[in-house]
Amino acid sequence: MERDNAQLIILVSERLIFRQHIMADMDAYCDMEQDPDVRKFVGGYARSREDAESRFLNGAFQPVNDRLAMWATILKSENKYIGRCGLYPHFNVDGNPIKDEATLAFYIARGYWGRGFATEAGQAFIRFGFDVLKVKRIVATIQVGNDPSVHVIKKLGFMLCHTESGPRSFYHLELKENI
């Protein structure tokens, strides 16, 4: 049974609506997961349709109770799914959520890159995190080489904490609540 879209909206920005995923989002979600350019810096490889559908049904489509999640990102002008953005728990090395902290992430479909949607989503979720969820710190982890995402996250005010080196190296950035 399909859920009522209006009840699923978590946040709205100038051009975007952020809501829980619905079954109608699955094809667009899977298209992004199968796009090697979108997946290049988030896992490093495109997913199969079967794997993408499984991740959608067992992850994105599941109900969210605490508002920390990756939300379906809908372009208002086209009423179209263009990605998933949001804040999710920041976990420590033991896999436990860190109190009063969240992780910011944004995944935008390739056809919508370069239009400021990631920046707009980031600004909306930063305000949501600090003002509504009352987190004290928001972090972001970006794979080295993903220069467009680094540009966006720095434009949002994040500062580099450290760089993790390895087979895949990552920048760890943070934004603290202005007190």
N, C-alpha and C. Protein backbone atom coordinates (compact mmCIF):
# COMPACT_ATOMS: atom_id res chain seq x y z
N MET A 1 0.84 -1.19 0.00
CA MET A 1 0.00 0.00 0.00
C MET A 1 0.88 1.25 0.00
N GLU A 2 0.63 2.16 -0.91
CA GLU A 2 1.42 3.39 -1.03
C GLU A 2 1.10 4.33 0.13
N ARG A 3 2.14 5.00 0.61
CA ARG A 3 1.94 5.96 1.70
C ARG A 3 1.57 7.33 1.12
N ASP A 4 0.89 8.15 1.90
CA ASP A 4 0.50 9.50 1.49
C ASP A 4 1.74 10.39 1.47
N ASN A 5 2.06 10.93 0.29
CA ASN A 5 3.28 11.73 0.12
C ASN A 5 3.36 12.92 1.07
N ALA A 6 2.25 13.61 1.28
CA ALA A 6 2.27 14.81 2.12
C ALA A 6 2.69 14.47 3.55
N GLN A 7 2.33 13.32 4.05
CA GLN A 7 2.68 12.93 5.41
C GLN A 7 4.14 12.51 5.52
N LEU A 8 4.78 12.29 4.39
CA LEU A 8 6.15 11.80 4.40
C LEU A 8 7.20 12.90 4.31
N ILE A 9 6.78 14.14 4.08
CA ILE A 9 7.72 15.25 3.89
C ILE A 9 8.38 15.59 5.22
N ILE A 10 9.70 15.65 5.19
CA ILE A 10 10.47 15.98 6.38
C ILE A 10 10.96 17.43 6.35
N LEU A 11 11.20 17.94 5.13
CA LEU A 11 11.84 19.24 4.99
C LEU A 11 11.60 19.75 3.57
N VAL A 12 11.55 21.07 3.41
CA VAL A 12 11.37 21.69 2.10
C VAL A 12 12.37 22.85 2.00
N SER A 13 13.02 22.97 0.86
CA SER A 13 13.89 24.11 0.58
C SER A 13 13.30 24.85 -0.62
N GLU A 14 14.01 25.81 -1.14
CA GLU A 14 13.49 26.62 -2.24
C GLU A 14 13.06 25.78 -3.44
N ARG A 15 13.92 24.84 -3.86
CA ARG A 15 13.63 24.06 -5.07
C ARG A 15 13.42 22.58 -4.81
N LEU A 16 13.60 22.14 -3.57
CA LEU A 16 13.61 20.71 -3.27
C LEU A 16 12.63 20.34 -2.16
N ILE A 17 12.13 19.13 -2.25
CA ILE A 17 11.33 18.53 -1.19
C ILE A 17 12.08 17.29 -0.73
N PHE A 18 12.17 17.10 0.57
CA PHE A 18 12.83 15.93 1.14
C PHE A 18 11.76 15.14 1.89
N ARG A 19 11.60 13.87 1.51
CA ARG A 19 10.55 13.04 2.09
C ARG A 19 11.03 11.60 2.16
N GLN A 20 10.22 10.78 2.85
CA GLN A 20 10.52 9.36 2.89
C GLN A 20 10.39 8.80 1.48
N HIS A 21 11.14 7.75 1.22
CA HIS A 21 11.06 7.08 -0.07
C HIS A 21 9.72 6.35 -0.21
N ILE A 22 9.22 6.31 -1.44
CA ILE A 22 8.02 5.56 -1.78
C ILE A 22 8.37 4.58 -2.90
N MET A 23 7.53 3.61 -3.14
CA MET A 23 7.81 2.61 -4.17
C MET A 23 8.05 3.24 -5.54
N ALA A 24 7.37 4.33 -5.83
CA ALA A 24 7.53 5.00 -7.12
C ALA A 24 8.94 5.55 -7.32
N ASP A 25 9.73 5.64 -6.26
CA ASP A 25 11.12 6.14 -6.35
C ASP A 25 12.10 5.05 -6.77
N MET A 26 11.68 3.80 -6.73
CA MET A 26 12.65 2.71 -6.90
C MET A 26 13.41 2.78 -8.22
N ASP A 27 12.78 3.03 -9.34
CA ASP A 27 13.50 3.04 -10.62
C ASP A 27 14.56 4.13 -10.65
N ALA A 28 14.23 5.33 -10.22
CA ALA A 28 15.20 6.42 -10.22
C ALA A 28 16.33 6.14 -9.23
N TYR A 29 16.00 5.58 -8.08
CA TYR A 29 17.00 5.19 -7.09
C TYR A 29 17.96 4.17 -7.71
N CYS A 30 17.41 3.14 -8.34
CA CYS A 30 18.23 2.09 -8.94
C CYS A 30 19.08 2.64 -10.09
N ASP A 31 18.53 3.55 -10.87
CA ASP A 31 19.30 4.17 -11.96
C ASP A 31 20.55 4.85 -11.41
N MET A 32 20.41 5.55 -10.29
CA MET A 32 21.57 6.20 -9.67
C MET A 32 22.58 5.17 -9.17
N GLU A 33 22.08 4.11 -8.55
CA GLU A 33 22.96 3.07 -8.02
C GLU A 33 23.70 2.33 -9.14
N GLN A 34 23.12 2.29 -10.33
CA GLN A 34 23.74 1.61 -11.46
C GLN A 34 24.64 2.53 -12.28
N ASP A 35 24.67 3.82 -11.95
CA ASP A 35 25.46 4.80 -12.70
C ASP A 35 26.89 4.82 -12.15
N PRO A 36 27.89 4.40 -12.94
CA PRO A 36 29.27 4.36 -12.43
C PRO A 36 29.80 5.74 -12.06
N ASP A 37 29.32 6.81 -12.70
CA ASP A 37 29.78 8.15 -12.34
C ASP A 37 29.25 8.57 -10.97
N VAL A 38 28.01 8.24 -10.67
CA VAL A 38 27.43 8.56 -9.37
C VAL A 38 28.11 7.74 -8.28
N ARG A 39 28.38 6.49 -8.56
CA ARG A 39 28.94 5.56 -7.57
C ARG A 39 30.46 5.63 -7.43
N LYS A 40 31.12 6.35 -8.31
CA LYS A 40 32.59 6.38 -8.33
C LYS A 40 33.20 6.67 -6.96
N PHE A 41 32.64 7.62 -6.23
CA PHE A 41 33.21 8.02 -4.95
C PHE A 41 32.38 7.55 -3.75
N VAL A 42 31.38 6.74 -3.99
CA VAL A 42 30.57 6.19 -2.90
C VAL A 42 30.48 4.68 -3.09
N GLY A 43 31.54 4.03 -2.81
CA GLY A 43 31.60 2.58 -2.97
C GLY A 43 32.50 2.16 -4.10
N GLY A 44 32.67 3.03 -5.08
CA GLY A 44 33.64 2.79 -6.13
C GLY A 44 33.15 1.99 -7.32
N TYR A 45 31.94 1.45 -7.27
CA TYR A 45 31.47 0.65 -8.40
C TYR A 45 29.94 0.76 -8.50
N ALA A 46 29.46 0.59 -9.71
CA ALA A 46 28.02 0.58 -9.93
C ALA A 46 27.43 -0.71 -9.38
N ARG A 47 26.24 -0.64 -8.85
CA ARG A 47 25.56 -1.82 -8.34
C ARG A 47 24.73 -2.47 -9.44
N SER A 48 24.47 -3.75 -9.28
CA SER A 48 23.55 -4.44 -10.18
C SER A 48 22.13 -3.97 -9.85
N ARG A 49 21.20 -4.16 -10.77
CA ARG A 49 19.80 -3.80 -10.52
C ARG A 49 19.27 -4.59 -9.32
N GLU A 50 19.60 -5.85 -9.25
CA GLU A 50 19.13 -6.70 -8.15
C GLU A 50 19.64 -6.18 -6.81
N ASP A 51 20.92 -5.82 -6.74
CA ASP A 51 21.50 -5.29 -5.51
C ASP A 51 20.88 -3.94 -5.16
N ALA A 52 20.70 -3.09 -6.17
CA ALA A 52 20.10 -1.77 -5.94
C ALA A 52 18.67 -1.90 -5.41
N GLU A 53 17.88 -2.79 -6.00
CA GLU A 53 16.51 -3.01 -5.52
C GLU A 53 16.51 -3.51 -4.08
N SER A 54 17.40 -4.42 -3.76
CA SER A 54 17.49 -4.95 -2.40
C SER A 54 17.84 -3.84 -1.42
N ARG A 55 18.79 -2.98 -1.78
CA ARG A 55 19.17 -1.88 -0.90
C ARG A 55 18.02 -0.89 -0.73
N PHE A 56 17.27 -0.68 -1.79
CA PHE A 56 16.12 0.21 -1.71
C PHE A 56 15.08 -0.36 -0.75
N LEU A 57 14.69 -1.60 -0.97
CA LEU A 57 13.63 -2.22 -0.17
C LEU A 57 14.02 -2.43 1.29
N ASN A 58 15.28 -2.74 1.53
CA ASN A 58 15.74 -3.04 2.90
C ASN A 58 16.38 -1.86 3.60
N GLY A 59 16.48 -0.74 2.91
CA GLY A 59 17.12 0.44 3.51
C GLY A 59 16.31 1.70 3.29
N ALA A 60 16.40 2.24 2.09
CA ALA A 60 15.78 3.54 1.80
C ALA A 60 14.28 3.54 2.01
N PHE A 61 13.62 2.44 1.69
CA PHE A 61 12.16 2.39 1.75
C PHE A 61 11.63 2.16 3.16
N GLN A 62 12.48 1.79 4.07
CA GLN A 62 12.05 1.50 5.44
C GLN A 62 11.62 2.78 6.15
N PRO A 63 10.58 2.71 6.98
CA PRO A 63 10.13 3.90 7.73
C PRO A 63 11.24 4.43 8.64
N VAL A 64 11.23 5.73 8.84
CA VAL A 64 12.22 6.41 9.68
C VAL A 64 11.49 7.05 10.84
N ASN A 65 11.98 6.82 12.05
CA ASN A 65 11.31 7.37 13.23
C ASN A 65 12.04 8.54 13.87
N ASP A 66 13.36 8.58 13.77
CA ASP A 66 14.12 9.62 14.49
C ASP A 66 14.55 10.78 13.60
N ARG A 67 14.16 10.79 12.34
CA ARG A 67 14.44 11.84 11.35
C ARG A 67 15.90 11.90 10.91
N LEU A 68 16.72 10.95 11.35
CA LEU A 68 18.10 10.85 10.88
C LEU A 68 18.13 9.79 9.79
N ALA A 69 18.18 10.24 8.54
CA ALA A 69 18.11 9.31 7.41
C ALA A 69 18.50 10.02 6.13
N MET A 70 18.67 9.23 5.10
CA MET A 70 18.83 9.76 3.76
C MET A 70 17.43 9.81 3.15
N TRP A 71 16.99 10.99 2.77
CA TRP A 71 15.62 11.24 2.33
C TRP A 71 15.55 11.33 0.80
N ALA A 72 14.45 10.87 0.25
CA ALA A 72 14.19 11.07 -1.18
C ALA A 72 14.24 12.57 -1.43
N THR A 73 14.95 12.96 -2.48
CA THR A 73 15.10 14.37 -2.82
C THR A 73 14.35 14.61 -4.13
N ILE A 74 13.33 15.44 -4.04
CA ILE A 74 12.42 15.66 -5.15
C ILE A 74 12.58 17.09 -5.66
N LEU A 75 12.79 17.23 -6.97
CA LEU A 75 12.86 18.56 -7.59
C LEU A 75 11.43 19.06 -7.77
N LYS A 76 11.09 20.14 -7.07
CA LYS A 76 9.72 20.66 -7.09
C LYS A 76 9.23 20.93 -8.51
N SER A 77 10.03 21.62 -9.32
CA SER A 77 9.57 22.06 -10.64
C SER A 77 9.22 20.91 -11.57
N GLU A 78 9.80 19.74 -11.34
CA GLU A 78 9.54 18.58 -12.19
C GLU A 78 8.81 17.47 -11.44
N ASN A 79 8.61 17.66 -10.13
CA ASN A 79 8.06 16.61 -9.26
C ASN A 79 8.78 15.29 -9.54
N LYS A 80 10.12 15.35 -9.54
CA LYS A 80 10.93 14.20 -9.94
C LYS A 80 11.97 13.89 -8.87
N TYR A 81 12.16 12.59 -8.64
CA TYR A 81 13.20 12.10 -7.74
C TYR A 81 14.56 12.37 -8.39
N ILE A 82 15.42 13.12 -7.69
CA ILE A 82 16.75 13.41 -8.26
C ILE A 82 17.88 12.96 -7.34
N GLY A 83 17.55 12.26 -6.27
CA GLY A 83 18.61 11.78 -5.39
C GLY A 83 18.12 11.53 -3.99
N ARG A 84 19.10 11.43 -3.10
CA ARG A 84 18.80 11.27 -1.68
C ARG A 84 19.83 12.06 -0.88
N CYS A 85 19.31 12.79 0.08
CA CYS A 85 20.14 13.67 0.89
C CYS A 85 19.66 13.60 2.32
N GLY A 86 20.55 13.94 3.24
CA GLY A 86 20.10 14.00 4.62
C GLY A 86 21.21 13.92 5.64
N LEU A 87 20.77 13.80 6.86
CA LEU A 87 21.64 13.59 8.02
C LEU A 87 21.35 12.20 8.56
N TYR A 88 22.38 11.46 8.84
CA TYR A 88 22.21 10.16 9.47
C TYR A 88 23.16 10.09 10.66
N PRO A 89 22.97 9.12 11.57
CA PRO A 89 23.81 9.10 12.77
C PRO A 89 25.31 9.04 12.44
N HIS A 90 26.09 9.71 13.27
CA HIS A 90 27.55 9.62 13.19
C HIS A 90 27.95 8.53 14.18
N PHE A 91 28.62 7.52 13.67
CA PHE A 91 28.97 6.36 14.49
C PHE A 91 30.43 6.41 14.93
N ASN A 92 30.70 5.90 16.14
CA ASN A 92 32.08 5.79 16.60
C ASN A 92 32.71 4.52 16.02
N VAL A 93 33.96 4.25 16.38
CA VAL A 93 34.68 3.10 15.81
C VAL A 93 34.05 1.77 16.21
N ASP A 94 33.27 1.76 17.28
CA ASP A 94 32.59 0.54 17.72
C ASP A 94 31.22 0.37 17.05
N GLY A 95 30.84 1.34 16.19
CA GLY A 95 29.57 1.24 15.50
C GLY A 95 28.38 1.78 16.28
N ASN A 96 28.66 2.50 17.36
CA ASN A 96 27.58 3.09 18.16
C ASN A 96 27.38 4.55 17.77
N PRO A 97 26.13 5.02 17.74
CA PRO A 97 25.89 6.43 17.40
C PRO A 97 26.49 7.35 18.45
N ILE A 98 27.06 8.45 17.99
CA ILE A 98 27.64 9.45 18.88
C ILE A 98 26.54 10.46 19.21
N LYS A 99 26.29 10.65 20.49
CA LYS A 99 25.24 11.57 20.94
C LYS A 99 25.49 12.98 20.42
N ASP A 100 24.42 13.62 19.97
CA ASP A 100 24.43 15.02 19.51
C ASP A 100 25.26 15.25 18.26
N GLU A 101 25.51 14.18 17.47
CA GLU A 101 26.26 14.33 16.22
C GLU A 101 25.52 13.65 15.08
N ALA A 102 25.75 14.15 13.88
CA ALA A 102 25.14 13.58 12.68
C ALA A 102 26.13 13.68 11.52
N THR A 103 25.89 12.89 10.49
CA THR A 103 26.69 12.90 9.27
C THR A 103 25.83 13.43 8.13
N LEU A 104 26.36 14.40 7.39
CA LEU A 104 25.68 14.96 6.23
C LEU A 104 26.13 14.24 4.97
N ALA A 105 25.16 13.90 4.12
CA ALA A 105 25.50 13.29 2.83
C ALA A 105 24.47 13.73 1.79
N PHE A 106 24.92 13.77 0.56
CA PHE A 106 24.02 14.10 -0.55
C PHE A 106 24.45 13.31 -1.77
N TYR A 107 23.48 12.70 -2.44
CA TYR A 107 23.68 11.96 -3.68
C TYR A 107 22.68 12.52 -4.69
N ILE A 108 23.20 13.13 -5.71
CA ILE A 108 22.35 13.75 -6.73
C ILE A 108 22.58 13.02 -8.05
N ALA A 109 21.51 12.75 -8.78
CA ALA A 109 21.60 12.08 -10.08
C ALA A 109 22.46 12.92 -11.03
N ARG A 110 23.25 12.25 -11.84
CA ARG A 110 24.22 12.92 -12.71
C ARG A 110 23.58 14.02 -13.57
N GLY A 111 22.39 13.81 -14.07
CA GLY A 111 21.74 14.80 -14.92
C GLY A 111 21.41 16.10 -14.21
N TYR A 112 21.58 16.13 -12.88
CA TYR A 112 21.26 17.32 -12.09
C TYR A 112 22.48 17.91 -11.40
N TRP A 113 23.66 17.42 -11.75
CA TRP A 113 24.90 17.97 -11.19
C TRP A 113 25.12 19.40 -11.71
N GLY A 114 25.82 20.18 -10.91
CA GLY A 114 26.24 21.51 -11.33
C GLY A 114 25.15 22.57 -11.27
N ARG A 115 24.05 22.28 -10.61
CA ARG A 115 22.94 23.24 -10.53
C ARG A 115 22.71 23.77 -9.11
N GLY A 116 23.60 23.41 -8.18
CA GLY A 116 23.50 23.90 -6.82
C GLY A 116 22.56 23.11 -5.92
N PHE A 117 22.09 21.95 -6.36
CA PHE A 117 21.15 21.18 -5.54
C PHE A 117 21.82 20.60 -4.29
N ALA A 118 23.07 20.15 -4.41
CA ALA A 118 23.77 19.61 -3.25
C ALA A 118 23.99 20.71 -2.21
N THR A 119 24.36 21.89 -2.65
CA THR A 119 24.55 23.01 -1.73
C THR A 119 23.24 23.38 -1.05
N GLU A 120 22.18 23.45 -1.83
CA GLU A 120 20.86 23.78 -1.27
C GLU A 120 20.41 22.73 -0.25
N ALA A 121 20.60 21.46 -0.59
CA ALA A 121 20.25 20.38 0.33
C ALA A 121 21.11 20.47 1.59
N GLY A 122 22.40 20.69 1.42
CA GLY A 122 23.29 20.81 2.57
C GLY A 122 22.89 21.93 3.50
N GLN A 123 22.59 23.10 2.94
CA GLN A 123 22.16 24.23 3.76
C GLN A 123 20.89 23.89 4.53
N ALA A 124 19.93 23.26 3.87
CA ALA A 124 18.67 22.91 4.53
C ALA A 124 18.89 21.93 5.66
N PHE A 125 19.72 20.92 5.43
CA PHE A 125 19.94 19.90 6.47
C PHE A 125 20.84 20.40 7.59
N ILE A 126 21.73 21.33 7.32
CA ILE A 126 22.52 21.92 8.40
C ILE A 126 21.59 22.68 9.35
N ARG A 127 20.70 23.51 8.79
CA ARG A 127 19.73 24.23 9.64
C ARG A 127 18.84 23.25 10.39
N PHE A 128 18.36 22.23 9.70
CA PHE A 128 17.52 21.20 10.31
C PHE A 128 18.26 20.51 11.45
N GLY A 129 19.52 20.16 11.22
CA GLY A 129 20.31 19.47 12.23
C GLY A 129 20.52 20.29 13.49
N PHE A 130 20.94 21.53 13.30
CA PHE A 130 21.23 22.37 14.46
C PHE A 130 19.95 22.91 15.12
N ASP A 131 18.98 23.36 14.31
CA ASP A 131 17.80 24.03 14.85
C ASP A 131 16.70 23.07 15.32
N VAL A 132 16.50 21.97 14.60
CA VAL A 132 15.40 21.07 14.91
C VAL A 132 15.89 19.84 15.68
N LEU A 133 16.91 19.18 15.17
CA LEU A 133 17.41 17.97 15.82
C LEU A 133 18.33 18.27 17.00
N LYS A 134 18.80 19.51 17.06
CA LYS A 134 19.65 19.99 18.18
C LYS A 134 20.98 19.25 18.27
N VAL A 135 21.54 18.85 17.12
CA VAL A 135 22.88 18.26 17.15
C VAL A 135 23.88 19.37 17.41
N LYS A 136 25.04 19.00 17.92
CA LYS A 136 26.09 19.98 18.23
C LYS A 136 27.21 19.97 17.18
N ARG A 137 27.26 18.87 16.40
CA ARG A 137 28.34 18.72 15.41
C ARG A 137 27.81 17.89 14.25
N ILE A 138 28.15 18.34 13.04
CA ILE A 138 27.82 17.60 11.82
C ILE A 138 29.12 17.28 11.11
N VAL A 139 29.28 16.05 10.71
CA VAL A 139 30.50 15.63 10.03
C VAL A 139 30.18 15.23 8.59
N ALA A 140 31.22 15.15 7.80
CA ALA A 140 31.11 14.65 6.42
C ALA A 140 32.40 13.90 6.10
N THR A 141 32.27 12.84 5.35
CA THR A 141 33.42 12.07 4.90
C THR A 141 33.34 12.01 3.38
N ILE A 142 34.42 12.47 2.72
CA ILE A 142 34.43 12.54 1.26
C ILE A 142 35.69 11.87 0.75
N GLN A 143 35.54 11.02 -0.24
CA GLN A 143 36.69 10.34 -0.81
C GLN A 143 37.60 11.34 -1.51
N VAL A 144 38.90 11.23 -1.27
CA VAL A 144 39.89 12.07 -1.94
C VAL A 144 39.70 11.90 -3.45
N GLY A 145 39.69 13.02 -4.16
CA GLY A 145 39.48 13.02 -5.60
C GLY A 145 38.08 13.47 -5.98
N ASN A 146 37.16 13.46 -5.02
CA ASN A 146 35.80 13.92 -5.29
C ASN A 146 35.74 15.43 -5.08
N ASP A 147 36.42 16.15 -5.97
CA ASP A 147 36.57 17.60 -5.83
C ASP A 147 35.25 18.37 -5.82
N PRO A 148 34.26 18.00 -6.64
CA PRO A 148 32.99 18.75 -6.56
C PRO A 148 32.34 18.67 -5.18
N SER A 149 32.35 17.50 -4.55
CA SER A 149 31.76 17.37 -3.21
C SER A 149 32.59 18.12 -2.17
N VAL A 150 33.90 18.10 -2.31
CA VAL A 150 34.75 18.86 -1.40
C VAL A 150 34.43 20.35 -1.53
N HIS A 151 34.26 20.82 -2.75
CA HIS A 151 33.91 22.23 -2.98
C HIS A 151 32.60 22.58 -2.27
N VAL A 152 31.58 21.74 -2.43
CA VAL A 152 30.28 22.00 -1.81
C VAL A 152 30.41 22.01 -0.30
N ILE A 153 31.06 21.03 0.27
CA ILE A 153 31.12 20.90 1.72
C ILE A 153 31.91 22.05 2.35
N LYS A 154 32.95 22.51 1.66
CA LYS A 154 33.70 23.67 2.17
C LYS A 154 32.88 24.95 2.03
N LYS A 155 32.10 25.06 0.95
CA LYS A 155 31.22 26.22 0.77
C LYS A 155 30.19 26.28 1.91
N LEU A 156 29.82 25.12 2.42
CA LEU A 156 28.86 25.04 3.52
C LEU A 156 29.50 25.37 4.87
N GLY A 157 30.82 25.56 4.90
CA GLY A 157 31.50 25.96 6.13
C GLY A 157 32.23 24.86 6.87
N PHE A 158 32.27 23.66 6.32
CA PHE A 158 32.97 22.56 6.99
C PHE A 158 34.48 22.79 6.96
N MET A 159 35.12 22.30 8.01
CA MET A 159 36.57 22.41 8.12
C MET A 159 37.17 20.99 8.14
N LEU A 160 38.33 20.85 7.52
CA LEU A 160 39.03 19.57 7.47
C LEU A 160 39.56 19.22 8.86
N CYS A 161 39.23 18.02 9.33
CA CYS A 161 39.75 17.51 10.61
C CYS A 161 41.01 16.70 10.36
N HIS A 162 40.91 15.74 9.44
CA HIS A 162 42.06 14.93 9.09
C HIS A 162 41.77 14.18 7.79
N THR A 163 42.85 13.62 7.24
CA THR A 163 42.74 12.82 6.02
C THR A 163 43.13 11.39 6.36
N GLU A 164 42.29 10.47 5.99
CA GLU A 164 42.52 9.04 6.20
C GLU A 164 43.12 8.46 4.93
N SER A 165 44.31 7.88 5.03
CA SER A 165 44.98 7.31 3.86
C SER A 165 44.78 5.80 3.82
N GLY A 166 44.67 5.28 2.62
CA GLY A 166 44.50 3.85 2.43
C GLY A 166 44.24 3.56 0.97
N PRO A 167 43.78 2.35 0.66
CA PRO A 167 43.45 2.03 -0.74
C PRO A 167 42.43 3.03 -1.30
N ARG A 168 41.50 3.45 -0.46
CA ARG A 168 40.61 4.57 -0.74
C ARG A 168 40.83 5.57 0.38
N SER A 169 41.27 6.76 0.05
CA SER A 169 41.56 7.77 1.07
C SER A 169 40.37 8.72 1.20
N PHE A 170 40.18 9.24 2.42
CA PHE A 170 39.01 10.07 2.70
C PHE A 170 39.40 11.32 3.49
N TYR A 171 38.70 12.41 3.17
CA TYR A 171 38.75 13.62 3.98
C TYR A 171 37.65 13.50 5.04
N HIS A 172 37.98 13.84 6.27
CA HIS A 172 37.00 13.90 7.35
C HIS A 172 36.85 15.38 7.72
N LEU A 173 35.64 15.87 7.58
CA LEU A 173 35.37 17.29 7.81
C LEU A 173 34.29 17.45 8.87
N GLU A 174 34.23 18.65 9.48
CA GLU A 174 33.25 18.88 10.51
C GLU A 174 32.72 20.31 10.47
N LEU A 175 31.53 20.46 11.02
CA LEU A 175 30.91 21.75 11.21
C LEU A 175 30.31 21.72 12.61
N LYS A 176 30.70 22.67 13.43
CA LYS A 176 30.19 22.72 14.80
C LYS A 176 29.12 23.77 14.91
N GLU A 177 28.20 23.53 15.82
CA GLU A 177 27.13 24.48 16.08
C GLU A 177 27.73 25.81 16.53
N ASN A 178 27.22 26.89 15.97
CA ASN A 178 27.64 28.23 16.44
C ASN A 178 26.95 28.50 17.75
N ILE A 179 27.75 28.71 18.76
CA ILE A 179 27.17 28.93 20.11
C ILE A 179 27.15 30.40 20.43
